[in-house]
């Protein structure tokens, strides 16, 4: 199972594409998953951890070199995730021009909703979904998948030209404006189309 993370995929993000015009993506290991609304423990190696909410698409069949017009056949349910980034580690790596994986692939850096919702229950259109993240009861992010730079189908087509997609693979489709720092004692509560999918604490 792969965790495929799309970067800079909302209109408010700078430089949304790689130099070749394709979506930016990176991989997290399966040990990055934080499941079942378990608490997120801040990593000892970072003093500035940020979190952002994302729509997560679960792949339902094996595919390679998928044409965009057929991509919809490869998923039928979605969930929510929160991707965590050690921002200070990332900025140091970027300034030095060195790899930045340490900032994003650490254990439990990808919270995943315990529940996935069939698209049919959400109206059937993956590009017309609203999701929100509250931190300590205050709205921090409000995203709408209609504002994605690259649609879910475009992402699947692009990624599948590079790596084979398998059943159970997860695509974190990018976070809208509002991602920010988290600290011990915070509570994160995320909804998709008004339905609570994530509710967990930072420790």
C-alpha atoms as a PDB file:
ATOM      1  CA  UNK A   1       0.000   0.000   0.000  1.00  0.00           C
ATOM      2  CA  UNK A   2       1.315   3.409  -1.011  1.00  0.00           C
ATOM      3  CA  UNK A   3       0.522   6.848   0.349  1.00  0.00           C
ATOM      4  CA  UNK A   4       0.734   9.279  -2.568  1.00  0.00           C
ATOM      5  CA  UNK A   5       0.744  12.929  -1.523  1.00  0.00           C
ATOM      6  CA  UNK A   6       0.019  15.750  -3.947  1.00  0.00           C
ATOM      7  CA  UNK A   7       1.640  19.112  -3.291  1.00  0.00           C
ATOM      8  CA  UNK A   8       0.436  22.623  -4.085  1.00  0.00           C
ATOM      9  CA  UNK A   9      -2.867  21.586  -5.593  1.00  0.00           C
ATOM     10  CA  UNK A  10      -5.086  24.555  -4.789  1.00  0.00           C
ATOM     11  CA  UNK A  11      -5.345  27.847  -6.633  1.00  0.00           C
ATOM     12  CA  UNK A  12      -3.978  29.774  -3.648  1.00  0.00           C
ATOM     13  CA  UNK A  13      -0.686  27.827  -3.792  1.00  0.00           C
ATOM     14  CA  UNK A  14       2.322  29.199  -5.595  1.00  0.00           C
ATOM     15  CA  UNK A  15       3.985  27.225  -8.395  1.00  0.00           C
ATOM     16  CA  UNK A  16       1.304  24.514  -8.483  1.00  0.00           C
ATOM     17  CA  UNK A  17       3.006  22.229 -10.973  1.00  0.00           C
ATOM     18  CA  UNK A  18       6.333  20.588 -11.521  1.00  0.00           C
ATOM     19  CA  UNK A  19       8.461  22.070 -14.345  1.00  0.00           C
ATOM     20  CA  UNK A  20       6.922  19.590 -16.787  1.00  0.00           C
ATOM     21  CA  UNK A  21       3.416  20.815 -15.978  1.00  0.00           C
ATOM     22  CA  UNK A  22       2.449  17.665 -14.080  1.00  0.00           C
ATOM     23  CA  UNK A  23       1.228  17.468 -10.463  1.00  0.00           C
ATOM     24  CA  UNK A  24       3.904  17.411  -7.799  1.00  0.00           C
ATOM     25  CA  UNK A  25       3.813  14.292  -5.645  1.00  0.00           C
ATOM     26  CA  UNK A  26       5.840  12.451  -3.056  1.00  0.00           C
ATOM     27  CA  UNK A  27       5.381   9.147  -1.208  1.00  0.00           C
ATOM     28  CA  UNK A  28       4.972   8.426   2.459  1.00  0.00           C
ATOM     29  CA  UNK A  29       5.578   4.931   3.924  1.00  0.00           C
ATOM     30  CA  UNK A  30       2.740   2.940   5.451  1.00  0.00           C
ATOM     31  CA  UNK A  31       4.224   3.641   8.900  1.00  0.00           C
ATOM     32  CA  UNK A  32       3.227   7.285   8.371  1.00  0.00           C
ATOM     33  CA  UNK A  33      -0.452   6.430   8.818  1.00  0.00           C
ATOM     34  CA  UNK A  34      -2.182   7.632  11.969  1.00  0.00           C
ATOM     35  CA  UNK A  35      -5.415   5.664  12.237  1.00  0.00           C
ATOM     36  CA  UNK A  36      -8.582   5.430  14.326  1.00  0.00           C
ATOM     37  CA  UNK A  37      -8.446   9.019  15.628  1.00  0.00           C
ATOM     38  CA  UNK A  38      -5.407   8.097  17.711  1.00  0.00           C
ATOM     39  CA  UNK A  39      -3.556  11.112  19.148  1.00  0.00           C
ATOM     40  CA  UNK A  40      -0.704  12.624  17.160  1.00  0.00           C
ATOM     41  CA  UNK A  41       2.515  12.892  19.146  1.00  0.00           C
ATOM     42  CA  UNK A  42       4.768  15.755  18.132  1.00  0.00           C
ATOM     43  CA  UNK A  43       8.137  14.428  16.901  1.00  0.00           C
ATOM     44  CA  UNK A  44      11.096  15.192  19.120  1.00  0.00           C
ATOM     45  CA  UNK A  45      13.264  16.349  16.221  1.00  0.00           C
ATOM     46  CA  UNK A  46      11.061  19.311  15.294  1.00  0.00           C
ATOM     47  CA  UNK A  47       9.969  22.483  17.072  1.00  0.00           C
ATOM     48  CA  UNK A  48       7.493  23.603  14.396  1.00  0.00           C
ATOM     49  CA  UNK A  49       4.981  21.071  13.069  1.00  0.00           C
ATOM     50  CA  UNK A  50       2.196  22.161  10.719  1.00  0.00           C
ATOM     51  CA  UNK A  51      -0.924  20.261   9.719  1.00  0.00           C
ATOM     52  CA  UNK A  52      -3.317  20.586   6.794  1.00  0.00           C
ATOM     53  CA  UNK A  53      -6.538  18.770   5.916  1.00  0.00           C
ATOM     54  CA  UNK A  54      -6.895  16.940   2.592  1.00  0.00           C
ATOM     55  CA  UNK A  55      -9.406  14.869   0.672  1.00  0.00           C
ATOM     56  CA  UNK A  56      -8.122  11.291   0.458  1.00  0.00           C
ATOM     57  CA  UNK A  57      -9.046   9.010  -2.439  1.00  0.00           C
ATOM     58  CA  UNK A  58      -8.765   5.244  -2.007  1.00  0.00           C
ATOM     59  CA  UNK A  59      -7.793   3.280  -5.123  1.00  0.00           C
ATOM     60  CA  UNK A  60     -10.070   0.297  -5.769  1.00  0.00           C
ATOM     61  CA  UNK A  61      -8.374  -1.528  -8.639  1.00  0.00           C
ATOM     62  CA  UNK A  62      -4.928  -2.019 -10.156  1.00  0.00           C
ATOM     63  CA  UNK A  63      -3.993   0.374 -12.928  1.00  0.00           C
ATOM     64  CA  UNK A  64      -1.048   1.647 -14.918  1.00  0.00           C
ATOM     65  CA  UNK A  65      -0.916   4.367 -17.577  1.00  0.00           C
ATOM     66  CA  UNK A  66      -4.575   5.152 -16.952  1.00  0.00           C
ATOM     67  CA  UNK A  67      -6.212   7.587 -19.339  1.00  0.00           C
ATOM     68  CA  UNK A  68      -7.812  10.513 -17.572  1.00  0.00           C
ATOM     69  CA  UNK A  69     -11.225   9.751 -19.065  1.00  0.00           C
ATOM     70  CA  UNK A  70     -11.139   6.280 -17.472  1.00  0.00           C
ATOM     71  CA  UNK A  71      -9.698   7.307 -14.096  1.00  0.00           C
ATOM     72  CA  UNK A  72     -13.110   7.433 -12.417  1.00  0.00           C
ATOM     73  CA  UNK A  73     -13.290   3.642 -12.685  1.00  0.00           C
ATOM     74  CA  UNK A  74     -10.445   3.304 -10.190  1.00  0.00           C
ATOM     75  CA  UNK A  75     -12.094   4.751  -7.068  1.00  0.00           C
ATOM     76  CA  UNK A  76     -15.531   4.947  -5.515  1.00  0.00           C
ATOM     77  CA  UNK A  77     -14.995   6.206  -1.964  1.00  0.00           C
ATOM     78  CA  UNK A  78     -13.216   9.080  -0.268  1.00  0.00           C
ATOM     79  CA  UNK A  79     -12.109  10.085   3.202  1.00  0.00           C
ATOM     80  CA  UNK A  80     -10.160  12.848   4.888  1.00  0.00           C
ATOM     81  CA  UNK A  81      -6.597  13.084   6.069  1.00  0.00           C
ATOM     82  CA  UNK A  82      -4.326  15.532   7.836  1.00  0.00           C
ATOM     83  CA  UNK A  83      -0.779  15.671   6.577  1.00  0.00           C
ATOM     84  CA  UNK A  84       1.814  16.822   9.083  1.00  0.00           C
ATOM     85  CA  UNK A  85       5.067  18.531   8.124  1.00  0.00           C
ATOM     86  CA  UNK A  86       8.073  19.366  10.279  1.00  0.00           C
ATOM     87  CA  UNK A  87       8.207  22.883   8.904  1.00  0.00           C
ATOM     88  CA  UNK A  88      11.523  23.867  10.461  1.00  0.00           C
ATOM     89  CA  UNK A  89      13.213  20.732   9.107  1.00  0.00           C
ATOM     90  CA  UNK A  90      11.705  21.371   5.678  1.00  0.00           C
ATOM     91  CA  UNK A  91      12.911  24.974   5.568  1.00  0.00           C
ATOM     92  CA  UNK A  92      16.452  24.028   6.579  1.00  0.00           C
ATOM     93  CA  UNK A  93      16.590  21.352   3.906  1.00  0.00           C
ATOM     94  CA  UNK A  94      15.192  23.688   1.244  1.00  0.00           C
ATOM     95  CA  UNK A  95      17.741  26.391   2.144  1.00  0.00           C
ATOM     96  CA  UNK A  96      20.571  23.875   1.899  1.00  0.00           C
ATOM     97  CA  UNK A  97      19.266  22.326  -1.308  1.00  0.00           C
ATOM     98  CA  UNK A  98      19.164  18.878   0.291  1.00  0.00           C
ATOM     99  CA  UNK A  99      16.401  16.235   0.268  1.00  0.00           C
ATOM    100  CA  UNK A 100      13.481  17.058   2.568  1.00  0.00           C
ATOM    101  CA  UNK A 101      11.906  13.628   3.107  1.00  0.00           C
ATOM    102  CA  UNK A 102      12.731  13.694   6.824  1.00  0.00           C
ATOM    103  CA  UNK A 103      10.270  16.569   7.201  1.00  0.00           C
ATOM    104  CA  UNK A 104       7.273  14.671   5.803  1.00  0.00           C
ATOM    105  CA  UNK A 105       7.705  10.891   6.007  1.00  0.00           C
ATOM    106  CA  UNK A 106       8.101  10.388   9.752  1.00  0.00           C
ATOM    107  CA  UNK A 107       5.932   7.902  11.628  1.00  0.00           C
ATOM    108  CA  UNK A 108       2.252   8.867  11.994  1.00  0.00           C
ATOM    109  CA  UNK A 109       2.651  11.993   9.869  1.00  0.00           C
ATOM    110  CA  UNK A 110      -0.489  11.199   7.839  1.00  0.00           C
ATOM    111  CA  UNK A 111      -3.706  11.066   9.853  1.00  0.00           C
ATOM    112  CA  UNK A 112      -6.429   9.084   8.078  1.00  0.00           C
ATOM    113  CA  UNK A 113     -10.149   9.092   8.760  1.00  0.00           C
ATOM    114  CA  UNK A 114     -11.483   5.826  10.230  1.00  0.00           C
ATOM    115  CA  UNK A 115     -14.353   6.015   7.756  1.00  0.00           C
ATOM    116  CA  UNK A 116     -14.430   6.293   3.969  1.00  0.00           C
ATOM    117  CA  UNK A 117     -17.631   7.487   2.355  1.00  0.00           C
ATOM    118  CA  UNK A 118     -18.983   6.130  -0.945  1.00  0.00           C
ATOM    119  CA  UNK A 119     -19.033   8.902  -3.516  1.00  0.00           C
ATOM    120  CA  UNK A 120     -22.595   7.932  -4.351  1.00  0.00           C
ATOM    121  CA  UNK A 121     -23.627   9.162  -0.875  1.00  0.00           C
ATOM    122  CA  UNK A 122     -21.971  12.520  -1.555  1.00  0.00           C
ATOM    123  CA  UNK A 123     -23.634  13.229  -4.881  1.00  0.00           C
ATOM    124  CA  UNK A 124     -21.207  11.286  -7.060  1.00  0.00           C
ATOM    125  CA  UNK A 125     -18.957  14.178  -8.135  1.00  0.00           C
ATOM    126  CA  UNK A 126     -15.533  14.117  -6.508  1.00  0.00           C
ATOM    127  CA  UNK A 127     -14.890  17.672  -7.740  1.00  0.00           C
ATOM    128  CA  UNK A 128     -17.823  19.119  -5.815  1.00  0.00           C
ATOM    129  CA  UNK A 129     -16.979  18.294  -2.221  1.00  0.00           C
ATOM    130  CA  UNK A 130     -16.505  20.690   0.673  1.00  0.00           C
ATOM    131  CA  UNK A 131     -14.401  19.875   3.699  1.00  0.00           C
ATOM    132  CA  UNK A 132     -13.406  21.824   6.799  1.00  0.00           C
ATOM    133  CA  UNK A 133     -10.847  21.613   9.589  1.00  0.00           C
ATOM    134  CA  UNK A 134     -11.395  23.111  13.011  1.00  0.00           C
ATOM    135  CA  UNK A 135      -8.627  23.481  15.581  1.00  0.00           C
ATOM    136  CA  UNK A 136      -9.897  23.822  19.136  1.00  0.00           C
ATOM    137  CA  UNK A 137     -13.351  24.609  17.797  1.00  0.00           C
ATOM    138  CA  UNK A 138     -12.136  27.423  15.526  1.00  0.00           C
ATOM    139  CA  UNK A 139     -12.357  27.110  11.746  1.00  0.00           C
ATOM    140  CA  UNK A 140      -8.863  26.926  10.265  1.00  0.00           C
ATOM    141  CA  UNK A 141      -9.441  25.516   6.772  1.00  0.00           C
ATOM    142  CA  UNK A 142     -12.391  25.419   4.396  1.00  0.00           C
ATOM    143  CA  UNK A 143     -11.671  23.598   1.151  1.00  0.00           C
ATOM    144  CA  UNK A 144     -13.687  22.768  -1.924  1.00  0.00           C
ATOM    145  CA  UNK A 145     -12.437  20.216  -4.418  1.00  0.00           C
ATOM    146  CA  UNK A 146     -13.756  22.364  -7.262  1.00  0.00           C
ATOM    147  CA  UNK A 147     -10.783  24.650  -6.523  1.00  0.00           C
ATOM    148  CA  UNK A 148      -8.137  21.998  -7.181  1.00  0.00           C
ATOM    149  CA  UNK A 149      -5.507  22.893  -9.760  1.00  0.00           C
ATOM    150  CA  UNK A 150      -5.357  19.247 -10.843  1.00  0.00           C
ATOM    151  CA  UNK A 151      -8.532  17.179 -10.656  1.00  0.00           C
ATOM    152  CA  UNK A 152      -8.556  13.761  -9.026  1.00  0.00           C
ATOM    153  CA  UNK A 153      -8.796  12.096 -12.438  1.00  0.00           C
ATOM    154  CA  UNK A 154      -5.876  14.130 -13.768  1.00  0.00           C
ATOM    155  CA  UNK A 155      -3.810  13.178 -10.724  1.00  0.00           C
ATOM    156  CA  UNK A 156      -4.553   9.481 -11.215  1.00  0.00           C
ATOM    157  CA  UNK A 157      -3.667   9.658 -14.901  1.00  0.00           C
ATOM    158  CA  UNK A 158      -0.416  11.496 -14.212  1.00  0.00           C
ATOM    159  CA  UNK A 159       0.768   9.380 -11.271  1.00  0.00           C
ATOM    160  CA  UNK A 160      -0.134   6.090 -12.999  1.00  0.00           C
ATOM    161  CA  UNK A 161       2.197   6.937 -15.860  1.00  0.00           C
ATOM    162  CA  UNK A 162       5.036   6.828 -13.344  1.00  0.00           C
ATOM    163  CA  UNK A 163       4.024   4.172 -10.813  1.00  0.00           C
ATOM    164  CA  UNK A 164       1.444   1.393 -10.854  1.00  0.00           C
ATOM    165  CA  UNK A 165      -1.574   2.035  -8.661  1.00  0.00           C
ATOM    166  CA  UNK A 166      -2.746  -0.881  -6.544  1.00  0.00           C
ATOM    167  CA  UNK A 167      -5.854  -1.698  -4.531  1.00  0.00           C
ATOM    168  CA  UNK A 168      -5.782   0.172  -1.230  1.00  0.00           C
ATOM    169  CA  UNK A 169      -3.357   2.880  -2.325  1.00  0.00           C
ATOM    170  CA  UNK A 170      -4.234   6.274  -0.862  1.00  0.00           C
ATOM    171  CA  UNK A 171      -3.988   9.597  -2.656  1.00  0.00           C
ATOM    172  CA  UNK A 172      -3.814  12.660  -0.401  1.00  0.00           C
ATOM    173  CA  UNK A 173      -4.969  15.249  -2.909  1.00  0.00           C
ATOM    174  CA  UNK A 174      -3.470  18.404  -1.412  1.00  0.00           C
ATOM    175  CA  UNK A 175      -4.376  20.939   1.229  1.00  0.00           C
ATOM    176  CA  UNK A 176      -6.059  24.324   0.679  1.00  0.00           C
ATOM    177  CA  UNK A 177      -5.087  27.608   2.344  1.00  0.00           C
ATOM    178  CA  UNK A 178      -4.977  27.693   6.106  1.00  0.00           C
ATOM    179  CA  UNK A 179      -2.570  24.903   7.012  1.00  0.00           C
ATOM    180  CA  UNK A 180      -0.734  25.998  10.131  1.00  0.00           C
ATOM    181  CA  UNK A 181       1.140  25.046  13.274  1.00  0.00           C
ATOM    182  CA  UNK A 182      -0.175  22.588  15.829  1.00  0.00           C
ATOM    183  CA  UNK A 183       0.839  22.197  19.436  1.00  0.00           C
ATOM    184  CA  UNK A 184       0.296  19.866  22.334  1.00  0.00           C
ATOM    185  CA  UNK A 185      -3.238  20.152  23.672  1.00  0.00           C
ATOM    186  CA  UNK A 186      -4.855  21.021  20.339  1.00  0.00           C
ATOM    187  CA  UNK A 187      -7.919  19.173  19.093  1.00  0.00           C
ATOM    188  CA  UNK A 188      -8.399  18.677  15.344  1.00  0.00           C
ATOM    189  CA  UNK A 189     -11.907  18.108  14.016  1.00  0.00           C
ATOM    190  CA  UNK A 190     -12.517  17.619  10.278  1.00  0.00           C
ATOM    191  CA  UNK A 191     -15.748  17.263   8.334  1.00  0.00           C
ATOM    192  CA  UNK A 192     -16.602  16.246   4.779  1.00  0.00           C
ATOM    193  CA  UNK A 193     -19.901  17.594   3.439  1.00  0.00           C
ATOM    194  CA  UNK A 194     -20.895  18.238   7.050  1.00  0.00           C
ATOM    195  CA  UNK A 195     -20.049  14.706   8.195  1.00  0.00           C
ATOM    196  CA  UNK A 196     -17.424  14.318  10.935  1.00  0.00           C
ATOM    197  CA  UNK A 197     -14.614  12.064   9.725  1.00  0.00           C
ATOM    198  CA  UNK A 198     -11.694  13.050  11.982  1.00  0.00           C
ATOM    199  CA  UNK A 199     -11.533  14.099  15.625  1.00  0.00           C
ATOM    200  CA  UNK A 200      -8.234  13.662  17.438  1.00  0.00           C
ATOM    201  CA  UNK A 201      -5.782  15.383  19.774  1.00  0.00           C
ATOM    202  CA  UNK A 202      -2.207  16.627  19.550  1.00  0.00           C
ATOM    203  CA  UNK A 203       0.138  15.545  22.323  1.00  0.00           C
END
